[in-house]
Amino acid sequence: MGKQYAIIGMGRFGSSIANRLYEAGNEVLGIDRDEVRIEESRDFVTHAVIADTTEENALREIGIRNFDVVVVSIGNDIQASILTTLLLKELGVKHIVAKALNKYHGKVLSKIGADKVVYPERDMGERVAHSLMSPNVLNFIKCRRTTA
């Protein structure tokens, strides 16, 4: 049995993570304030919930502390991202991964307890640049991973 993941924010980034985790056989809970995004994600999550994760009671009712990993992939609302991450930490979530929009947002997320901070656009930009400069190296690494 796989791990249990909760993905908060089911936009492009959150949906991509949820989809991959679900395909790998993990239990995935998708959470978003937007009902349309929740409906769109029902095919690639185990459970989907409409909730405002800046509300402590909503997180408690979901049972958020029972998940192995919680990913905060809230889009452009930095305040909601920070408050959600803080609440998750206070509720005792074991491992928090949070998406940052810029370096200052990332610093705050780290200081309040995010275990890992990711910068999707920056990181993907770096990967694309490396693949353009060294396509054979990346292809070799990619092939080695799939055969191992």
C-alpha atoms as a PDB file:
ATOM      1  CA  MET A   1       0.000   0.000   0.000  1.00  0.00           C
ATOM      2  CA  GLY A   2       1.262   3.452  -0.879  1.00  0.00           C
ATOM      3  CA  LYS A   3       1.432   6.505   1.294  1.00  0.00           C
ATOM      4  CA  GLN A   4      -1.365   8.932   1.987  1.00  0.00           C
ATOM      5  CA  TYR A   5      -1.010  12.366   0.430  1.00  0.00           C
ATOM      6  CA  ALA A   6      -3.135  15.488   0.661  1.00  0.00           C
ATOM      7  CA  ILE A   7      -2.780  18.111  -2.055  1.00  0.00           C
ATOM      8  CA  ILE A   8      -4.072  21.562  -1.149  1.00  0.00           C
ATOM      9  CA  GLY A   9      -4.716  23.626  -4.269  1.00  0.00           C
ATOM     10  CA  MET A  10      -5.810  21.692  -7.339  1.00  0.00           C
ATOM     11  CA  GLY A  11      -4.564  24.051 -10.029  1.00  0.00           C
ATOM     12  CA  ARG A  12      -2.095  22.927 -12.708  1.00  0.00           C
ATOM     13  CA  PHE A  13       0.747  22.200 -10.286  1.00  0.00           C
ATOM     14  CA  GLY A  14      -1.335  20.498  -7.609  1.00  0.00           C
ATOM     15  CA  SER A  15      -3.295  18.467 -10.151  1.00  0.00           C
ATOM     16  CA  SER A  16      -0.074  17.249 -11.790  1.00  0.00           C
ATOM     17  CA  ILE A  17       1.287  16.074  -8.453  1.00  0.00           C
ATOM     18  CA  ALA A  18      -2.006  14.439  -7.478  1.00  0.00           C
ATOM     19  CA  ASN A  19      -2.315  12.661 -10.823  1.00  0.00           C
ATOM     20  CA  ARG A  20       1.185  11.183 -10.669  1.00  0.00           C
ATOM     21  CA  LEU A  21       0.838  10.077  -7.040  1.00  0.00           C
ATOM     22  CA  TYR A  22      -2.527   8.476  -7.778  1.00  0.00           C
ATOM     23  CA  GLU A  23      -1.172   6.650 -10.850  1.00  0.00           C
ATOM     24  CA  ALA A  24       1.595   5.250  -8.636  1.00  0.00           C
ATOM     25  CA  GLY A  25      -1.006   3.635  -6.363  1.00  0.00           C
ATOM     26  CA  ASN A  26      -1.055   6.111  -3.504  1.00  0.00           C
ATOM     27  CA  GLU A  27      -4.081   7.421  -1.644  1.00  0.00           C
ATOM     28  CA  VAL A  28      -4.554  11.061  -2.652  1.00  0.00           C
ATOM     29  CA  LEU A  29      -6.891  13.645  -1.174  1.00  0.00           C
ATOM     30  CA  GLY A  30      -7.433  16.725  -3.336  1.00  0.00           C
ATOM     31  CA  ILE A  31      -8.500  19.897  -1.521  1.00  0.00           C
ATOM     32  CA  ASP A  32      -9.519  23.214  -3.055  1.00  0.00           C
ATOM     33  CA  ARG A  33     -11.922  26.088  -2.376  1.00  0.00           C
ATOM     34  CA  ASP A  34     -13.089  25.969  -5.991  1.00  0.00           C
ATOM     35  CA  GLU A  35     -15.850  23.434  -6.655  1.00  0.00           C
ATOM     36  CA  VAL A  36     -15.035  23.301 -10.383  1.00  0.00           C
ATOM     37  CA  ARG A  37     -11.414  22.300  -9.696  1.00  0.00           C
ATOM     38  CA  ILE A  38     -12.583  19.604  -7.302  1.00  0.00           C
ATOM     39  CA  GLU A  39     -14.981  18.204  -9.901  1.00  0.00           C
ATOM     40  CA  GLU A  40     -12.224  18.220 -12.540  1.00  0.00           C
ATOM     41  CA  SER A  41      -9.878  16.291 -10.250  1.00  0.00           C
ATOM     42  CA  ARG A  42     -12.231  13.452  -9.248  1.00  0.00           C
ATOM     43  CA  ASP A  43     -10.753  11.044 -11.847  1.00  0.00           C
ATOM     44  CA  PHE A  44      -7.212  11.211 -10.444  1.00  0.00           C
ATOM     45  CA  VAL A  45      -7.656  11.448  -6.680  1.00  0.00           C
ATOM     46  CA  THR A  46      -8.969   8.972  -4.152  1.00  0.00           C
ATOM     47  CA  HIS A  47     -11.062  11.634  -2.406  1.00  0.00           C
ATOM     48  CA  ALA A  48     -11.833  15.271  -3.201  1.00  0.00           C
ATOM     49  CA  VAL A  49     -12.976  17.917  -0.731  1.00  0.00           C
ATOM     50  CA  ILE A  50     -14.095  21.515  -1.094  1.00  0.00           C
ATOM     51  CA  ALA A  51     -12.593  23.385   1.855  1.00  0.00           C
ATOM     52  CA  ASP A  52     -10.979  26.627   2.918  1.00  0.00           C
ATOM     53  CA  THR A  53      -7.664  25.481   4.365  1.00  0.00           C
ATOM     54  CA  THR A  54      -7.096  28.814   6.095  1.00  0.00           C
ATOM     55  CA  GLU A  55      -9.777  27.649   8.555  1.00  0.00           C
ATOM     56  CA  GLU A  56      -8.323  25.467  11.317  1.00  0.00           C
ATOM     57  CA  ASN A  57     -11.623  23.659  11.908  1.00  0.00           C
ATOM     58  CA  ALA A  58     -11.836  22.656   8.239  1.00  0.00           C
ATOM     59  CA  LEU A  59      -8.390  21.073   8.436  1.00  0.00           C
ATOM     60  CA  ARG A  60      -9.307  19.256  11.660  1.00  0.00           C
ATOM     61  CA  GLU A  61     -12.528  17.905  10.143  1.00  0.00           C
ATOM     62  CA  ILE A  62     -10.600  16.563   7.142  1.00  0.00           C
ATOM     63  CA  GLY A  63      -8.225  14.756   9.518  1.00  0.00           C
ATOM     64  CA  ILE A  64      -5.260  16.404   7.840  1.00  0.00           C
ATOM     65  CA  ARG A  65      -2.738  15.306  10.475  1.00  0.00           C
ATOM     66  CA  ASN A  66      -3.287  11.652   9.489  1.00  0.00           C
ATOM     67  CA  PHE A  67      -1.656  12.114   6.064  1.00  0.00           C
ATOM     68  CA  ASP A  68       1.976  11.172   5.507  1.00  0.00           C
ATOM     69  CA  VAL A  69       2.658  14.217   3.332  1.00  0.00           C
ATOM     70  CA  VAL A  70       0.678  17.389   2.676  1.00  0.00           C
ATOM     71  CA  VAL A  71       1.525  19.498  -0.365  1.00  0.00           C
ATOM     72  CA  VAL A  72       0.502  23.162  -0.267  1.00  0.00           C
ATOM     73  CA  SER A  73       0.188  24.142  -3.914  1.00  0.00           C
ATOM     74  CA  ILE A  74      -1.975  27.224  -3.485  1.00  0.00           C
ATOM     75  CA  GLY A  75      -1.629  29.495  -6.512  1.00  0.00           C
ATOM     76  CA  ASN A  76      -1.262  33.250  -6.260  1.00  0.00           C
ATOM     77  CA  ASP A  77      -2.693  33.799  -2.770  1.00  0.00           C
ATOM     78  CA  ILE A  78       0.504  34.100  -0.731  1.00  0.00           C
ATOM     79  CA  GLN A  79      -1.403  34.874   2.461  1.00  0.00           C
ATOM     80  CA  ALA A  80      -3.524  31.708   2.142  1.00  0.00           C
ATOM     81  CA  SER A  81      -0.399  29.662   1.388  1.00  0.00           C
ATOM     82  CA  ILE A  82       1.412  30.941   4.481  1.00  0.00           C
ATOM     83  CA  LEU A  83      -1.584  30.614   6.801  1.00  0.00           C
ATOM     84  CA  THR A  84      -2.344  27.093   5.563  1.00  0.00           C
ATOM     85  CA  THR A  85       1.282  26.010   6.048  1.00  0.00           C
ATOM     86  CA  LEU A  86       1.336  27.479   9.565  1.00  0.00           C
ATOM     87  CA  LEU A  87      -1.905  25.721  10.507  1.00  0.00           C
ATOM     88  CA  LEU A  88      -0.651  22.407   9.117  1.00  0.00           C
ATOM     89  CA  LYS A  89       2.488  22.696  11.223  1.00  0.00           C
ATOM     90  CA  GLU A  90       0.501  23.578  14.354  1.00  0.00           C
ATOM     91  CA  LEU A  91      -1.847  20.627  13.761  1.00  0.00           C
ATOM     92  CA  GLY A  92       1.112  18.235  13.681  1.00  0.00           C
ATOM     93  CA  VAL A  93       1.333  17.274  10.011  1.00  0.00           C
ATOM     94  CA  LYS A  94       4.388  15.011   9.596  1.00  0.00           C
ATOM     95  CA  HIS A  95       5.792  16.359   6.324  1.00  0.00           C
ATOM     96  CA  ILE A  96       4.839  19.582   4.514  1.00  0.00           C
ATOM     97  CA  VAL A  97       5.910  20.472   0.983  1.00  0.00           C
ATOM     98  CA  ALA A  98       5.000  24.018  -0.033  1.00  0.00           C
ATOM     99  CA  LYS A  99       5.054  25.813  -3.374  1.00  0.00           C
ATOM    100  CA  ALA A 100       6.644  29.266  -3.286  1.00  0.00           C
ATOM    101  CA  LEU A 101       6.048  32.039  -5.772  1.00  0.00           C
ATOM    102  CA  ASN A 102       9.277  33.912  -5.023  1.00  0.00           C
ATOM    103  CA  LYS A 103      12.299  33.758  -2.723  1.00  0.00           C
ATOM    104  CA  TYR A 104      10.679  35.835   0.046  1.00  0.00           C
ATOM    105  CA  HIS A 105       7.580  33.669   0.046  1.00  0.00           C
ATOM    106  CA  GLY A 106       9.896  30.653   0.225  1.00  0.00           C
ATOM    107  CA  LYS A 107      11.823  32.107   3.170  1.00  0.00           C
ATOM    108  CA  VAL A 108       8.624  32.643   5.127  1.00  0.00           C
ATOM    109  CA  LEU A 109       7.389  29.120   4.340  1.00  0.00           C
ATOM    110  CA  SER A 110      10.693  27.658   5.560  1.00  0.00           C
ATOM    111  CA  LYS A 111      10.688  29.741   8.730  1.00  0.00           C
ATOM    112  CA  ILE A 112       7.175  28.668   9.698  1.00  0.00           C
ATOM    113  CA  GLY A 113       7.961  25.000   9.257  1.00  0.00           C
ATOM    114  CA  ALA A 114       7.606  23.777   5.667  1.00  0.00           C
ATOM    115  CA  ASP A 115       9.878  20.749   5.369  1.00  0.00           C
ATOM    116  CA  LYS A 116      10.499  21.370   1.674  1.00  0.00           C
ATOM    117  CA  VAL A 117       9.893  24.483  -0.387  1.00  0.00           C
ATOM    118  CA  VAL A 118       9.641  24.152  -4.161  1.00  0.00           C
ATOM    119  CA  TYR A 119       9.776  26.784  -6.882  1.00  0.00           C
ATOM    120  CA  PRO A 120       8.085  25.050  -9.852  1.00  0.00           C
ATOM    121  CA  GLU A 121       8.656  27.676 -12.543  1.00  0.00           C
ATOM    122  CA  ARG A 122      12.274  28.341 -11.592  1.00  0.00           C
ATOM    123  CA  ASP A 123      13.096  24.651 -11.214  1.00  0.00           C
ATOM    124  CA  MET A 124      11.484  23.667 -14.508  1.00  0.00           C
ATOM    125  CA  GLY A 125      13.194  26.560 -16.277  1.00  0.00           C
ATOM    126  CA  GLU A 126      16.554  25.320 -15.020  1.00  0.00           C
ATOM    127  CA  ARG A 127      15.794  21.759 -16.155  1.00  0.00           C
ATOM    128  CA  VAL A 128      14.802  22.926 -19.634  1.00  0.00           C
ATOM    129  CA  ALA A 129      17.937  25.077 -19.919  1.00  0.00           C
ATOM    130  CA  HIS A 130      20.138  22.141 -18.884  1.00  0.00           C
ATOM    131  CA  SER A 131      18.423  19.832 -21.358  1.00  0.00           C
ATOM    132  CA  LEU A 132      19.030  22.354 -24.148  1.00  0.00           C
ATOM    133  CA  MET A 133      22.713  22.626 -23.281  1.00  0.00           C
ATOM    134  CA  SER A 134      23.323  18.922 -22.593  1.00  0.00           C
ATOM    135  CA  PRO A 135      20.603  16.825 -24.216  1.00  0.00           C
ATOM    136  CA  ASN A 136      22.663  13.598 -24.284  1.00  0.00           C
ATOM    137  CA  VAL A 137      23.467  13.733 -20.577  1.00  0.00           C
ATOM    138  CA  LEU A 138      19.824  14.140 -19.586  1.00  0.00           C
ATOM    139  CA  ASN A 139      18.723  11.394 -21.972  1.00  0.00           C
ATOM    140  CA  PHE A 140      21.309   9.074 -20.461  1.00  0.00           C
ATOM    141  CA  ILE A 141      20.147   9.847 -16.919  1.00  0.00           C
ATOM    142  CA  LYS A 142      16.534   9.439 -17.924  1.00  0.00           C
ATOM    143  CA  CYS A 143      17.208   6.039 -19.529  1.00  0.00           C
ATOM    144  CA  ARG A 144      19.194   4.819 -16.536  1.00  0.00           C
ATOM    145  CA  ARG A 145      16.302   5.637 -14.190  1.00  0.00           C
ATOM    146  CA  THR A 146      13.695   3.784 -16.196  1.00  0.00           C
ATOM    147  CA  THR A 147      15.757   0.614 -16.518  1.00  0.00           C
ATOM    148  CA  ALA A 148      16.928   0.476 -12.901  1.00  0.00           C
END
